[in-house]
Amino acid sequence: MRAEGLGRRLPATGQQRARWVWRGVDLTLAEGESVAVTGPSGTGKTLLLRALAGLDPVDEGTVFLDGRPQAAWPAPLYRARVLYVAQRPALFDGTVEDNLVRPFTLGVRQGRKGRDRITGCIRGGDGSPSGWDRQRAVELLAALGRDAGFLQRPVTALSGGEAQITALVRALLVEPAILLLDEPTAPLDEATARAAEDLIARWRAAAPGRACLWTSHDRDQLRRVADREVALVPAEN
């Protein structure tokens, strides 16, 4: 992934005049790298990760993936390759398992097995969406201190840390090429945060080229997980 000359401008609101959050941002994330984006609170690190994920627009510059501009990629295919894990994850109504299965019901992840006549989802012989691996989900949850029963927990009953565990497991299950991790362990206790770091490291090591971009207020964590740092500098207005 490569970003050239990115700029993000927030519009005027009430008494607040329009302002640039950042401008001229150049960034390269090489295959296999783990890079930390650093900067004080308010410098727009979340906005940058969301822009790299194709979730928010930029007002200047271009993001490239595999040499192609972000705009040249079909959005579902791009987001299958580049996955953003938010500080406050978005979960759907239902159970933890419903949320983990959900990405595998999307057309971009479908294989060549039979298509469900009602939902259009391609399903395996057991009726589950193609690519969904329940045993793998159980293994990932166990590594983060949760047993198989956690799959049946309603998301409305989850704590902030449990919601983040769900989002992390979902991200690892879909196996993107790039993870954009925005304070991914902030709501977790120290032991679970270390376990999450280990899972992400193993995800990177499992296939050549997998890369990740981190933000974190924990400097010790960034020293553990990142190969190098990129400082995000606020724009002058």
Protein backbone atom coordinates (compact mmCIF):
# COMPACT_ATOMS: atom_id res chain seq x y z
CA MET A 1 0.00 0.00 0.00
CA ARG A 2 1.18 3.51 -0.80
CA ALA A 3 -0.28 6.94 -0.07
CA GLU A 4 0.89 10.06 -1.88
CA GLY A 5 0.13 13.64 -0.88
CA LEU A 6 -2.95 12.86 1.18
CA GLY A 7 -4.89 15.77 2.64
CA ARG A 8 -8.09 15.88 4.67
CA ARG A 9 -10.06 19.09 5.19
CA LEU A 10 -12.91 19.44 7.66
CA PRO A 11 -15.70 21.80 6.59
CA ALA A 12 -16.74 24.88 8.54
CA THR A 13 -19.29 24.25 11.29
CA GLY A 14 -20.91 27.04 13.29
CA GLN A 15 -18.13 29.19 14.73
CA GLN A 16 -15.44 26.75 13.54
CA ARG A 17 -13.87 27.67 10.21
CA ALA A 18 -12.84 25.03 7.70
CA ARG A 19 -9.44 23.55 8.47
CA TRP A 20 -6.98 20.99 7.19
CA VAL A 21 -6.37 18.10 9.57
CA TRP A 22 -3.30 16.93 7.64
CA ARG A 23 -1.80 17.62 4.21
CA GLY A 24 0.98 16.17 2.11
CA VAL A 25 0.93 12.81 3.87
CA ASP A 26 3.15 10.25 2.15
CA LEU A 27 3.16 6.74 3.52
CA THR A 28 4.34 3.34 2.35
CA LEU A 29 3.37 0.03 3.92
CA ALA A 30 5.50 -2.70 2.38
CA GLU A 31 4.50 -6.34 2.19
CA GLY A 32 5.10 -8.06 5.52
CA GLU A 33 5.61 -4.82 7.47
CA SER A 34 4.10 -3.70 10.74
CA VAL A 35 4.12 0.11 11.00
CA ALA A 36 2.96 2.41 13.80
CA VAL A 37 1.33 5.76 13.04
CA THR A 38 2.13 8.13 15.89
CA GLY A 39 1.11 11.64 16.85
CA PRO A 40 -0.66 13.53 19.65
CA SER A 41 -4.40 13.16 20.16
CA GLY A 42 -6.31 15.20 17.60
CA THR A 43 -3.82 14.82 14.75
CA GLY A 44 -6.28 12.70 12.78
CA LYS A 45 -4.80 9.22 13.06
CA THR A 46 -8.25 7.62 12.95
CA LEU A 47 -9.20 9.73 9.93
CA LEU A 48 -6.04 8.59 8.17
CA LEU A 49 -6.67 4.90 8.81
CA ARG A 50 -10.28 5.24 7.68
CA ALA A 51 -9.12 6.98 4.49
CA LEU A 52 -6.60 4.22 3.81
CA ALA A 53 -9.41 1.70 4.33
CA GLY A 54 -11.59 3.47 1.77
CA LEU A 55 -14.19 4.39 4.39
CA ASP A 56 -13.62 8.16 4.40
CA PRO A 57 -12.75 10.50 1.53
CA VAL A 58 -9.59 12.53 1.13
CA ASP A 59 -9.49 16.03 -0.33
CA GLU A 60 -6.02 15.68 -1.81
CA GLY A 61 -3.78 12.85 -2.88
CA THR A 62 -4.17 9.20 -3.79
CA VAL A 63 -4.03 5.82 -2.07
CA PHE A 64 -2.62 2.92 -4.09
CA LEU A 65 -3.02 -0.81 -3.50
CA ASP A 66 -0.95 -3.18 -5.63
CA GLY A 67 -0.12 -0.21 -7.85
CA ARG A 68 -3.76 0.63 -8.58
CA PRO A 69 -5.47 3.78 -7.26
CA GLN A 70 -8.01 3.09 -4.56
CA ALA A 71 -10.75 4.54 -6.78
CA ALA A 72 -10.00 1.92 -9.46
CA TRP A 73 -10.86 -0.93 -7.10
CA PRO A 74 -14.45 -2.13 -6.64
CA ALA A 75 -15.17 -1.05 -3.07
CA PRO A 76 -16.15 -4.53 -1.75
CA LEU A 77 -13.00 -6.09 -3.20
CA TYR A 78 -10.76 -3.34 -1.82
CA ARG A 79 -12.31 -3.66 1.65
CA ALA A 80 -11.84 -7.42 1.53
CA ARG A 81 -8.11 -6.80 1.03
CA VAL A 82 -7.75 -3.86 3.43
CA LEU A 83 -9.63 -4.23 6.70
CA TYR A 84 -10.08 -1.53 9.34
CA VAL A 85 -10.50 -2.50 13.01
CA ALA A 86 -12.02 0.46 14.86
CA GLN A 87 -11.53 1.62 18.43
CA ARG A 88 -15.28 1.15 18.92
CA PRO A 89 -16.28 -1.76 16.71
CA ALA A 90 -19.54 -1.82 14.79
CA LEU A 91 -21.43 -5.02 15.57
CA PHE A 92 -24.75 -6.18 14.20
CA ASP A 93 -27.77 -7.34 16.21
CA GLY A 94 -27.66 -11.01 17.12
CA THR A 95 -25.00 -13.21 18.65
CA VAL A 96 -21.23 -13.13 18.51
CA GLU A 97 -21.37 -16.01 16.02
CA ASP A 98 -23.81 -14.08 13.81
CA ASN A 99 -21.25 -11.28 13.65
CA LEU A 100 -18.36 -13.62 12.88
CA VAL A 101 -20.30 -15.37 10.11
CA ARG A 102 -21.56 -12.15 8.51
CA PRO A 103 -18.51 -11.38 6.30
CA PHE A 104 -18.71 -14.84 4.75
CA THR A 105 -22.23 -14.15 3.47
CA LEU A 106 -20.92 -11.36 1.22
CA GLY A 107 -20.45 -12.02 -2.48
CA VAL A 108 -16.81 -10.93 -2.52
CA ARG A 109 -15.89 -13.87 -0.25
CA GLN A 110 -18.00 -16.54 -1.96
CA GLY A 111 -16.43 -19.64 -3.41
CA ARG A 112 -17.78 -22.10 -5.93
CA LYS A 113 -20.15 -24.13 -3.78
CA GLY A 114 -23.96 -24.11 -3.93
CA ARG A 115 -25.75 -20.77 -3.74
CA ASP A 116 -28.61 -20.39 -1.27
CA ARG A 117 -31.77 -19.71 -3.29
CA ILE A 118 -33.18 -17.35 -0.67
CA THR A 119 -30.19 -15.30 0.49
CA GLY A 120 -27.95 -15.68 -2.56
CA CYS A 121 -25.14 -16.75 -0.24
CA ILE A 122 -22.90 -19.58 -1.41
CA ARG A 123 -23.03 -22.38 1.15
CA GLY A 124 -21.06 -25.51 1.90
CA GLY A 125 -22.46 -28.97 2.39
CA ASP A 126 -23.38 -28.29 6.03
CA GLY A 127 -25.40 -25.20 5.11
CA SER A 128 -22.82 -22.73 6.45
CA PRO A 129 -21.48 -19.90 4.28
CA SER A 130 -18.50 -20.86 2.15
CA GLY A 131 -15.24 -20.06 3.93
CA TRP A 132 -16.74 -19.92 7.42
CA ASP A 133 -14.64 -22.01 9.85
CA ARG A 134 -16.34 -22.34 13.22
CA GLN A 135 -13.51 -24.37 14.72
CA ARG A 136 -11.03 -21.67 13.76
CA ALA A 137 -13.27 -19.09 15.45
CA VAL A 138 -13.32 -21.21 18.62
CA GLU A 139 -9.51 -21.46 18.55
CA LEU A 140 -9.07 -17.70 18.16
CA LEU A 141 -11.52 -16.99 20.97
CA ALA A 142 -9.72 -19.48 23.22
CA ALA A 143 -6.44 -17.64 22.61
CA LEU A 144 -8.18 -14.51 23.89
CA GLY A 145 -9.59 -16.21 26.98
CA ARG A 146 -13.12 -17.00 25.78
CA ASP A 147 -14.67 -20.46 25.44
CA ALA A 148 -16.96 -21.75 22.69
CA GLY A 149 -20.03 -20.62 24.63
CA PHE A 150 -19.01 -17.03 23.90
CA LEU A 151 -20.23 -17.55 20.33
CA GLN A 152 -23.82 -17.59 21.57
CA ARG A 153 -23.56 -14.40 23.63
CA PRO A 154 -25.89 -11.63 22.39
CA VAL A 155 -23.86 -8.60 21.33
CA THR A 156 -26.09 -6.39 23.49
CA ALA A 157 -24.65 -8.15 26.55
CA LEU A 158 -21.00 -7.64 25.63
CA SER A 159 -18.64 -5.33 27.48
CA GLY A 160 -16.43 -2.97 25.51
CA GLY A 161 -13.54 -5.42 25.77
CA GLU A 162 -15.68 -8.36 24.64
CA ALA A 163 -16.95 -6.36 21.66
CA GLN A 164 -13.34 -5.64 20.71
CA ILE A 165 -12.44 -9.34 21.02
CA THR A 166 -15.33 -10.10 18.64
CA ALA A 167 -14.10 -7.51 16.14
CA LEU A 168 -10.51 -8.78 16.28
CA VAL A 169 -11.53 -12.40 15.78
CA ARG A 170 -13.78 -11.38 12.89
CA ALA A 171 -10.89 -9.52 11.25
CA LEU A 172 -8.50 -12.44 11.62
CA LEU A 173 -11.04 -14.94 10.29
CA VAL A 174 -11.54 -13.09 7.00
CA GLU A 175 -7.77 -12.98 6.41
CA PRO A 176 -7.25 -9.65 4.61
CA ALA A 177 -3.92 -8.66 3.10
CA ILE A 178 -3.66 -5.55 5.30
CA LEU A 179 -5.02 -4.82 8.78
CA LEU A 180 -5.49 -1.20 9.85
CA LEU A 181 -5.60 -1.38 13.64
CA ASP A 182 -6.94 1.70 15.44
CA GLU A 183 -6.20 1.32 19.17
CA PRO A 184 -7.19 -2.36 18.80
CA THR A 185 -6.41 -3.39 22.38
CA ALA A 186 -7.41 -0.22 24.25
CA PRO A 187 -10.39 -1.77 26.11
CA LEU A 188 -8.57 -5.03 26.92
CA ASP A 189 -6.74 -5.98 30.10
CA GLU A 190 -2.98 -6.39 29.83
CA ALA A 191 -2.98 -10.18 29.49
CA THR A 192 -5.64 -10.17 26.77
CA ALA A 193 -3.91 -7.29 24.97
CA ARG A 194 -0.67 -9.28 24.87
CA ALA A 195 -2.58 -12.31 23.59
CA ALA A 196 -4.11 -10.14 20.85
CA GLU A 197 -0.65 -8.88 19.87
CA ASP A 198 0.52 -12.47 19.60
CA LEU A 199 -2.46 -13.47 17.44
CA ILE A 200 -1.84 -10.57 15.07
CA ALA A 201 1.85 -11.47 14.85
CA ARG A 202 0.92 -15.06 14.01
CA TRP A 203 -1.57 -13.83 11.39
CA ARG A 204 1.26 -11.86 9.73
CA ALA A 205 3.63 -14.81 9.84
CA ALA A 206 1.07 -17.24 8.39
CA ALA A 207 1.22 -15.84 4.85
CA PRO A 208 3.87 -13.83 2.98
CA GLY A 209 3.04 -10.20 2.45
CA ARG A 210 0.49 -9.63 5.20
CA ALA A 211 1.00 -6.20 6.72
CA CYS A 212 -0.54 -4.03 9.39
CA LEU A 213 -0.71 -0.41 10.45
CA TRP A 214 -1.21 0.38 14.15
CA THR A 215 -2.23 3.31 16.29
CA SER A 216 -1.92 3.09 20.06
CA HIS A 217 -1.42 5.38 23.03
CA ASP A 218 0.71 2.63 24.59
CA ARG A 219 4.29 3.41 23.56
CA ASP A 220 5.53 0.10 24.95
CA GLN A 221 3.05 -1.73 22.77
CA LEU A 222 4.18 0.10 19.65
CA ARG A 223 7.78 -0.82 20.40
CA ARG A 224 6.72 -4.46 20.64
CA VAL A 225 4.55 -4.67 17.52
CA ALA A 226 5.97 -2.20 15.00
CA ASP A 227 8.97 -2.50 12.72
CA ARG A 228 9.08 1.29 12.38
CA GLU A 229 7.06 4.42 13.12
CA VAL A 230 5.55 7.14 10.94
CA ALA A 231 4.78 10.45 12.66
CA LEU A 232 1.57 12.19 11.56
CA VAL A 233 2.07 15.96 11.61
CA PRO A 234 -0.94 18.30 11.86
CA ALA A 235 -1.45 20.68 8.96
CA GLU A 236 -0.75 24.38 9.31
CA ASN A 237 -3.96 26.39 8.85
